[in-house]
Amino acid sequence: MNRDHVLMGVVGRPHGVRGLVHVHSYTAVAEDLATYAGLVDDLGRPWRLSWHGNGVARLHDAAGHAIDSREAAQQMVNRKLYVPRASLPETDEDEFYFADLVGLEVREHGTDRVVGHVAAVHDYGAGTSLEIDGADGNTLLPFTEACVPVVNVGAGWVAICLPDEIEVPVECFPGTAGQGNAP
């Protein structure tokens, strides 16, 4: 999708045989996903969503036809759901949407040396991370205040502090003594 749309949810596995699907909502209150007008998938197709339980929903296409079979629901698995940015509330001065971070210049904190650009923002459930595309390839960095102390969306950059490399003592891995670095 383009920058005029913001990722708000992802369709998960089917629920039952009548076309219901699990939906992971990125809204503060999951049920609010159904209230946004202009919901579209990553192919640009419009959808309307109605909740049928905790995290379980039915999807209706632009003509109002509901997905009504497990097979059709299976076709929607991992489909991303977006809303037009214009339908979202404006952010406060110190707030931003994760979508705002993609494309920002990444600078080394304290030196302002440019090290790359934010390629993506990931959240797999254990915390948010930034994927940074730099000269040395891509790097995943935890999106914490310690690693990303400054976010300046208005100026188009973030500052990062790369964490020190973690060394694991060899004695943590029985049977590896004298074999050099642990796995």
C-alpha atoms as a PDB file:
ATOM      1  CA  MET A   1       0.000   0.000   0.000  1.00  0.00           C
ATOM      2  CA  ASN A   2       1.028   3.615  -0.277  1.00  0.00           C
ATOM      3  CA  ARG A   3       1.765   6.190   2.436  1.00  0.00           C
ATOM      4  CA  ASP A   4      -1.838   7.428   2.261  1.00  0.00           C
ATOM      5  CA  HIS A   5      -2.930   4.211   3.990  1.00  0.00           C
ATOM      6  CA  VAL A   6      -2.017   2.875   7.429  1.00  0.00           C
ATOM      7  CA  LEU A   7      -1.882  -0.810   8.363  1.00  0.00           C
ATOM      8  CA  MET A   8      -4.581  -1.435  10.970  1.00  0.00           C
ATOM      9  CA  GLY A   9      -4.999  -5.214  11.052  1.00  0.00           C
ATOM     10  CA  VAL A  10      -4.156  -8.609   9.606  1.00  0.00           C
ATOM     11  CA  VAL A  11      -6.498 -11.467   8.774  1.00  0.00           C
ATOM     12  CA  GLY A  12      -5.512 -14.703  10.474  1.00  0.00           C
ATOM     13  CA  ARG A  13      -6.663 -18.292  10.182  1.00  0.00           C
ATOM     14  CA  PRO A  14     -10.254 -19.298   9.483  1.00  0.00           C
ATOM     15  CA  HIS A  15     -12.595 -19.855  12.425  1.00  0.00           C
ATOM     16  CA  GLY A  16     -15.016 -22.685  11.745  1.00  0.00           C
ATOM     17  CA  VAL A  17     -16.555 -23.592   8.384  1.00  0.00           C
ATOM     18  CA  ARG A  18     -18.841 -20.606   7.701  1.00  0.00           C
ATOM     19  CA  GLY A  19     -16.281 -18.024   6.600  1.00  0.00           C
ATOM     20  CA  LEU A  20     -15.361 -16.404   9.897  1.00  0.00           C
ATOM     21  CA  VAL A  21     -11.712 -15.430  10.369  1.00  0.00           C
ATOM     22  CA  HIS A  22      -9.452 -14.456  13.224  1.00  0.00           C
ATOM     23  CA  VAL A  23      -8.363 -10.821  12.865  1.00  0.00           C
ATOM     24  CA  HIS A  24      -5.442  -9.204  14.656  1.00  0.00           C
ATOM     25  CA  SER A  25      -6.346  -5.534  15.105  1.00  0.00           C
ATOM     26  CA  TYR A  26      -3.663  -2.882  15.643  1.00  0.00           C
ATOM     27  CA  THR A  27      -6.137  -0.340  16.990  1.00  0.00           C
ATOM     28  CA  ALA A  28      -5.978   0.641  20.679  1.00  0.00           C
ATOM     29  CA  VAL A  29      -9.354  -1.066  21.166  1.00  0.00           C
ATOM     30  CA  ALA A  30      -9.554  -4.056  18.797  1.00  0.00           C
ATOM     31  CA  GLU A  31     -13.270  -3.644  18.123  1.00  0.00           C
ATOM     32  CA  ASP A  32     -12.664  -0.149  16.712  1.00  0.00           C
ATOM     33  CA  LEU A  33     -11.294  -1.692  13.515  1.00  0.00           C
ATOM     34  CA  ALA A  34     -14.894  -2.292  12.406  1.00  0.00           C
ATOM     35  CA  THR A  35     -15.714   1.420  12.743  1.00  0.00           C
ATOM     36  CA  TYR A  36     -13.219   2.736  10.192  1.00  0.00           C
ATOM     37  CA  ALA A  37     -14.568   3.675   6.777  1.00  0.00           C
ATOM     38  CA  GLY A  38     -12.479   2.830   3.743  1.00  0.00           C
ATOM     39  CA  LEU A  39     -10.983  -0.434   4.992  1.00  0.00           C
ATOM     40  CA  VAL A  40      -9.019  -2.006   2.103  1.00  0.00           C
ATOM     41  CA  ASP A  41      -6.750  -5.025   1.783  1.00  0.00           C
ATOM     42  CA  ASP A  42      -3.215  -5.043   0.409  1.00  0.00           C
ATOM     43  CA  LEU A  43      -4.640  -5.617  -3.093  1.00  0.00           C
ATOM     44  CA  GLY A  44      -6.720  -2.439  -2.806  1.00  0.00           C
ATOM     45  CA  ARG A  45     -10.050  -4.292  -2.471  1.00  0.00           C
ATOM     46  CA  PRO A  46     -12.560  -2.669  -0.081  1.00  0.00           C
ATOM     47  CA  TRP A  47     -13.923  -4.596   2.905  1.00  0.00           C
ATOM     48  CA  ARG A  48     -16.272  -4.098   5.814  1.00  0.00           C
ATOM     49  CA  LEU A  49     -15.662  -6.034   8.991  1.00  0.00           C
ATOM     50  CA  SER A  50     -18.157  -7.157  11.660  1.00  0.00           C
ATOM     51  CA  TRP A  51     -17.076  -8.795  14.912  1.00  0.00           C
ATOM     52  CA  HIS A  52     -18.543 -12.159  15.948  1.00  0.00           C
ATOM     53  CA  GLY A  53     -16.594 -12.803  19.118  1.00  0.00           C
ATOM     54  CA  ASN A  54     -13.234 -12.147  20.703  1.00  0.00           C
ATOM     55  CA  GLY A  55     -10.905 -11.560  17.743  1.00  0.00           C
ATOM     56  CA  VAL A  56     -13.235 -13.366  15.316  1.00  0.00           C
ATOM     57  CA  ALA A  57     -14.862 -11.456  12.463  1.00  0.00           C
ATOM     58  CA  ARG A  58     -16.763 -11.751   9.228  1.00  0.00           C
ATOM     59  CA  LEU A  59     -15.556  -9.849   6.175  1.00  0.00           C
ATOM     60  CA  HIS A  60     -17.969  -8.346   3.645  1.00  0.00           C
ATOM     61  CA  ASP A  61     -16.843  -7.195   0.188  1.00  0.00           C
ATOM     62  CA  ALA A  62     -17.767  -3.878  -1.442  1.00  0.00           C
ATOM     63  CA  ALA A  63     -21.115  -5.269  -2.620  1.00  0.00           C
ATOM     64  CA  GLY A  64     -21.948  -6.366   0.937  1.00  0.00           C
ATOM     65  CA  HIS A  65     -21.451 -10.076   0.263  1.00  0.00           C
ATOM     66  CA  ALA A  66     -19.950 -11.912   3.224  1.00  0.00           C
ATOM     67  CA  ILE A  67     -17.208 -14.488   2.989  1.00  0.00           C
ATOM     68  CA  ASP A  68     -19.262 -17.588   3.741  1.00  0.00           C
ATOM     69  CA  SER A  69     -16.994 -20.619   3.456  1.00  0.00           C
ATOM     70  CA  ARG A  70     -13.840 -21.905   5.085  1.00  0.00           C
ATOM     71  CA  GLU A  71     -12.172 -22.083   1.663  1.00  0.00           C
ATOM     72  CA  ALA A  72     -12.880 -18.404   0.952  1.00  0.00           C
ATOM     73  CA  ALA A  73     -11.703 -17.505   4.461  1.00  0.00           C
ATOM     74  CA  GLN A  74      -8.476 -19.459   3.871  1.00  0.00           C
ATOM     75  CA  GLN A  75      -7.800 -17.247   0.830  1.00  0.00           C
ATOM     76  CA  MET A  76      -7.778 -14.215   3.148  1.00  0.00           C
ATOM     77  CA  VAL A  77      -5.145 -15.543   5.574  1.00  0.00           C
ATOM     78  CA  ASN A  78      -2.313 -13.021   6.115  1.00  0.00           C
ATOM     79  CA  ARG A  79      -4.179 -10.361   4.139  1.00  0.00           C
ATOM     80  CA  LYS A  80      -3.288  -6.951   5.549  1.00  0.00           C
ATOM     81  CA  LEU A  81      -6.050  -4.437   6.222  1.00  0.00           C
ATOM     82  CA  TYR A  82      -5.464  -0.710   5.798  1.00  0.00           C
ATOM     83  CA  VAL A  83      -7.439   2.474   6.348  1.00  0.00           C
ATOM     84  CA  PRO A  84      -6.945   5.828   4.660  1.00  0.00           C
ATOM     85  CA  ARG A  85      -4.667   8.010   6.726  1.00  0.00           C
ATOM     86  CA  ALA A  86      -7.214  10.827   6.441  1.00  0.00           C
ATOM     87  CA  SER A  87      -9.707   8.766   8.474  1.00  0.00           C
ATOM     88  CA  LEU A  88      -7.329   8.546  11.451  1.00  0.00           C
ATOM     89  CA  PRO A  89      -7.119  11.208  14.140  1.00  0.00           C
ATOM     90  CA  GLU A  90      -4.301  13.722  13.960  1.00  0.00           C
ATOM     91  CA  THR A  91      -1.397  12.908  16.232  1.00  0.00           C
ATOM     92  CA  ASP A  92      -0.177  15.171  19.004  1.00  0.00           C
ATOM     93  CA  GLU A  93       3.175  16.872  18.564  1.00  0.00           C
ATOM     94  CA  ASP A  94       5.055  14.106  20.384  1.00  0.00           C
ATOM     95  CA  GLU A  95       3.062  11.237  18.825  1.00  0.00           C
ATOM     96  CA  PHE A  96       3.306   9.412  15.508  1.00  0.00           C
ATOM     97  CA  TYR A  97       2.033   6.338  13.723  1.00  0.00           C
ATOM     98  CA  PHE A  98       4.532   3.551  13.070  1.00  0.00           C
ATOM     99  CA  ALA A  99       3.875   4.076   9.356  1.00  0.00           C
ATOM    100  CA  ASP A 100       5.413   7.553   9.772  1.00  0.00           C
ATOM    101  CA  LEU A 101       8.777   5.982  10.630  1.00  0.00           C
ATOM    102  CA  VAL A 102       9.210   4.075   7.369  1.00  0.00           C
ATOM    103  CA  GLY A 103      11.605   5.945   5.097  1.00  0.00           C
ATOM    104  CA  LEU A 104      13.055   8.173   7.815  1.00  0.00           C
ATOM    105  CA  GLU A 105      16.796   8.755   7.835  1.00  0.00           C
ATOM    106  CA  VAL A 106      18.635   6.895  10.617  1.00  0.00           C
ATOM    107  CA  ARG A 107      21.446   8.747  12.373  1.00  0.00           C
ATOM    108  CA  GLU A 108      23.961   7.583  14.937  1.00  0.00           C
ATOM    109  CA  HIS A 109      23.094   9.309  18.219  1.00  0.00           C
ATOM    110  CA  GLY A 110      25.731  11.828  19.290  1.00  0.00           C
ATOM    111  CA  THR A 111      27.494  12.020  15.920  1.00  0.00           C
ATOM    112  CA  ASP A 112      24.558  12.556  13.527  1.00  0.00           C
ATOM    113  CA  ARG A 113      26.331  10.231  11.064  1.00  0.00           C
ATOM    114  CA  VAL A 114      23.729   8.828   8.658  1.00  0.00           C
ATOM    115  CA  VAL A 115      23.705   5.020   8.865  1.00  0.00           C
ATOM    116  CA  GLY A 116      20.663   4.229   6.715  1.00  0.00           C
ATOM    117  CA  HIS A 117      16.890   4.496   6.514  1.00  0.00           C
ATOM    118  CA  VAL A 118      14.003   2.833   8.328  1.00  0.00           C
ATOM    119  CA  ALA A 119      12.880   0.081   5.942  1.00  0.00           C
ATOM    120  CA  ALA A 120      10.068  -1.350   8.089  1.00  0.00           C
ATOM    121  CA  VAL A 121       8.579  -1.515  11.558  1.00  0.00           C
ATOM    122  CA  HIS A 122       7.938  -5.026  12.893  1.00  0.00           C
ATOM    123  CA  ASP A 123       5.939  -6.246  15.867  1.00  0.00           C
ATOM    124  CA  TYR A 124       5.878 -10.007  16.294  1.00  0.00           C
ATOM    125  CA  GLY A 125       4.447  -9.842  19.802  1.00  0.00           C
ATOM    126  CA  ALA A 126       7.631  -9.590  21.857  1.00  0.00           C
ATOM    127  CA  GLY A 127       8.117  -5.885  21.192  1.00  0.00           C
ATOM    128  CA  THR A 128       8.444  -3.546  18.276  1.00  0.00           C
ATOM    129  CA  SER A 129      11.643  -3.406  16.234  1.00  0.00           C
ATOM    130  CA  LEU A 130      12.921  -1.219  13.420  1.00  0.00           C
ATOM    131  CA  GLU A 131      14.424  -2.730  10.297  1.00  0.00           C
ATOM    132  CA  ILE A 132      17.200  -0.416   9.200  1.00  0.00           C
ATOM    133  CA  ASP A 133      18.502  -0.555   5.649  1.00  0.00           C
ATOM    134  CA  GLY A 134      22.121   0.585   5.707  1.00  0.00           C
ATOM    135  CA  ALA A 135      25.327   0.278   3.739  1.00  0.00           C
ATOM    136  CA  ASP A 136      26.192  -2.936   5.609  1.00  0.00           C
ATOM    137  CA  GLY A 137      22.801  -4.526   4.921  1.00  0.00           C
ATOM    138  CA  ASN A 138      19.675  -4.692   7.043  1.00  0.00           C
ATOM    139  CA  THR A 139      19.730  -4.523  10.826  1.00  0.00           C
ATOM    140  CA  LEU A 140      16.900  -5.184  13.285  1.00  0.00           C
ATOM    141  CA  LEU A 141      16.961  -2.876  16.272  1.00  0.00           C
ATOM    142  CA  PRO A 142      14.601  -2.954  19.263  1.00  0.00           C
ATOM    143  CA  PHE A 143      12.351   0.107  19.185  1.00  0.00           C
ATOM    144  CA  THR A 144      13.100   1.138  22.749  1.00  0.00           C
ATOM    145  CA  GLU A 145      14.128   4.481  24.206  1.00  0.00           C
ATOM    146  CA  ALA A 146      17.593   3.049  24.902  1.00  0.00           C
ATOM    147  CA  CYS A 147      18.160   2.078  21.247  1.00  0.00           C
ATOM    148  CA  VAL A 148      16.115   4.856  19.591  1.00  0.00           C
ATOM    149  CA  PRO A 149      16.403   7.853  21.928  1.00  0.00           C
ATOM    150  CA  VAL A 150      15.223  10.468  19.413  1.00  0.00           C
ATOM    151  CA  VAL A 151      12.363  10.324  16.908  1.00  0.00           C
ATOM    152  CA  ASN A 152      11.937  13.511  14.876  1.00  0.00           C
ATOM    153  CA  VAL A 153       9.263  12.709  12.297  1.00  0.00           C
ATOM    154  CA  GLY A 154       8.851  16.379  11.341  1.00  0.00           C
ATOM    155  CA  ALA A 155      12.537  16.688  10.443  1.00  0.00           C
ATOM    156  CA  GLY A 156      12.593  13.236   8.824  1.00  0.00           C
ATOM    157  CA  TRP A 157      15.063  11.325  11.025  1.00  0.00           C
ATOM    158  CA  VAL A 158      15.577   9.099  14.053  1.00  0.00           C
ATOM    159  CA  ALA A 159      18.709   8.769  16.184  1.00  0.00           C
ATOM    160  CA  ILE A 160      19.890   5.319  17.249  1.00  0.00           C
ATOM    161  CA  CYS A 161      22.313   3.866  19.764  1.00  0.00           C
ATOM    162  CA  LEU A 162      23.465   0.427  18.732  1.00  0.00           C
ATOM    163  CA  PRO A 163      23.608  -1.935  21.709  1.00  0.00           C
ATOM    164  CA  ASP A 164      26.922  -3.469  22.670  1.00  0.00           C
ATOM    165  CA  GLU A 165      27.463  -6.954  21.372  1.00  0.00           C
ATOM    166  CA  ILE A 166      26.462  -9.612  23.868  1.00  0.00           C
ATOM    167  CA  GLU A 167      29.036 -12.252  24.651  1.00  0.00           C
ATOM    168  CA  VAL A 168      27.929 -15.535  26.162  1.00  0.00           C
ATOM    169  CA  PRO A 169      30.527 -17.314  28.304  1.00  0.00           C
ATOM    170  CA  VAL A 170      31.542 -20.707  26.934  1.00  0.00           C
ATOM    171  CA  GLU A 171      30.626 -22.377  30.244  1.00  0.00           C
ATOM    172  CA  CYS A 172      26.970 -21.623  29.435  1.00  0.00           C
ATOM    173  CA  PHE A 173      27.203 -24.310  26.739  1.00  0.00           C
ATOM    174  CA  PRO A 174      28.293 -27.628  28.279  1.00  0.00           C
ATOM    175  CA  GLY A 175      30.633 -29.663  26.134  1.00  0.00           C
ATOM    176  CA  THR A 176      32.040 -26.683  24.239  1.00  0.00           C
ATOM    177  CA  ALA A 177      34.962 -25.816  26.500  1.00  0.00           C
ATOM    178  CA  GLY A 178      38.110 -25.237  24.523  1.00  0.00           C
ATOM    179  CA  GLN A 179      36.246 -25.051  21.210  1.00  0.00           C
ATOM    180  CA  GLY A 180      36.373 -21.281  20.767  1.00  0.00           C
ATOM    181  CA  ASN A 181      33.215 -19.243  20.502  1.00  0.00           C
ATOM    182  CA  ALA A 182      29.926 -20.662  21.646  1.00  0.00           C
ATOM    183  CA  PRO A 183      27.294 -21.367  18.978  1.00  0.00           C
END
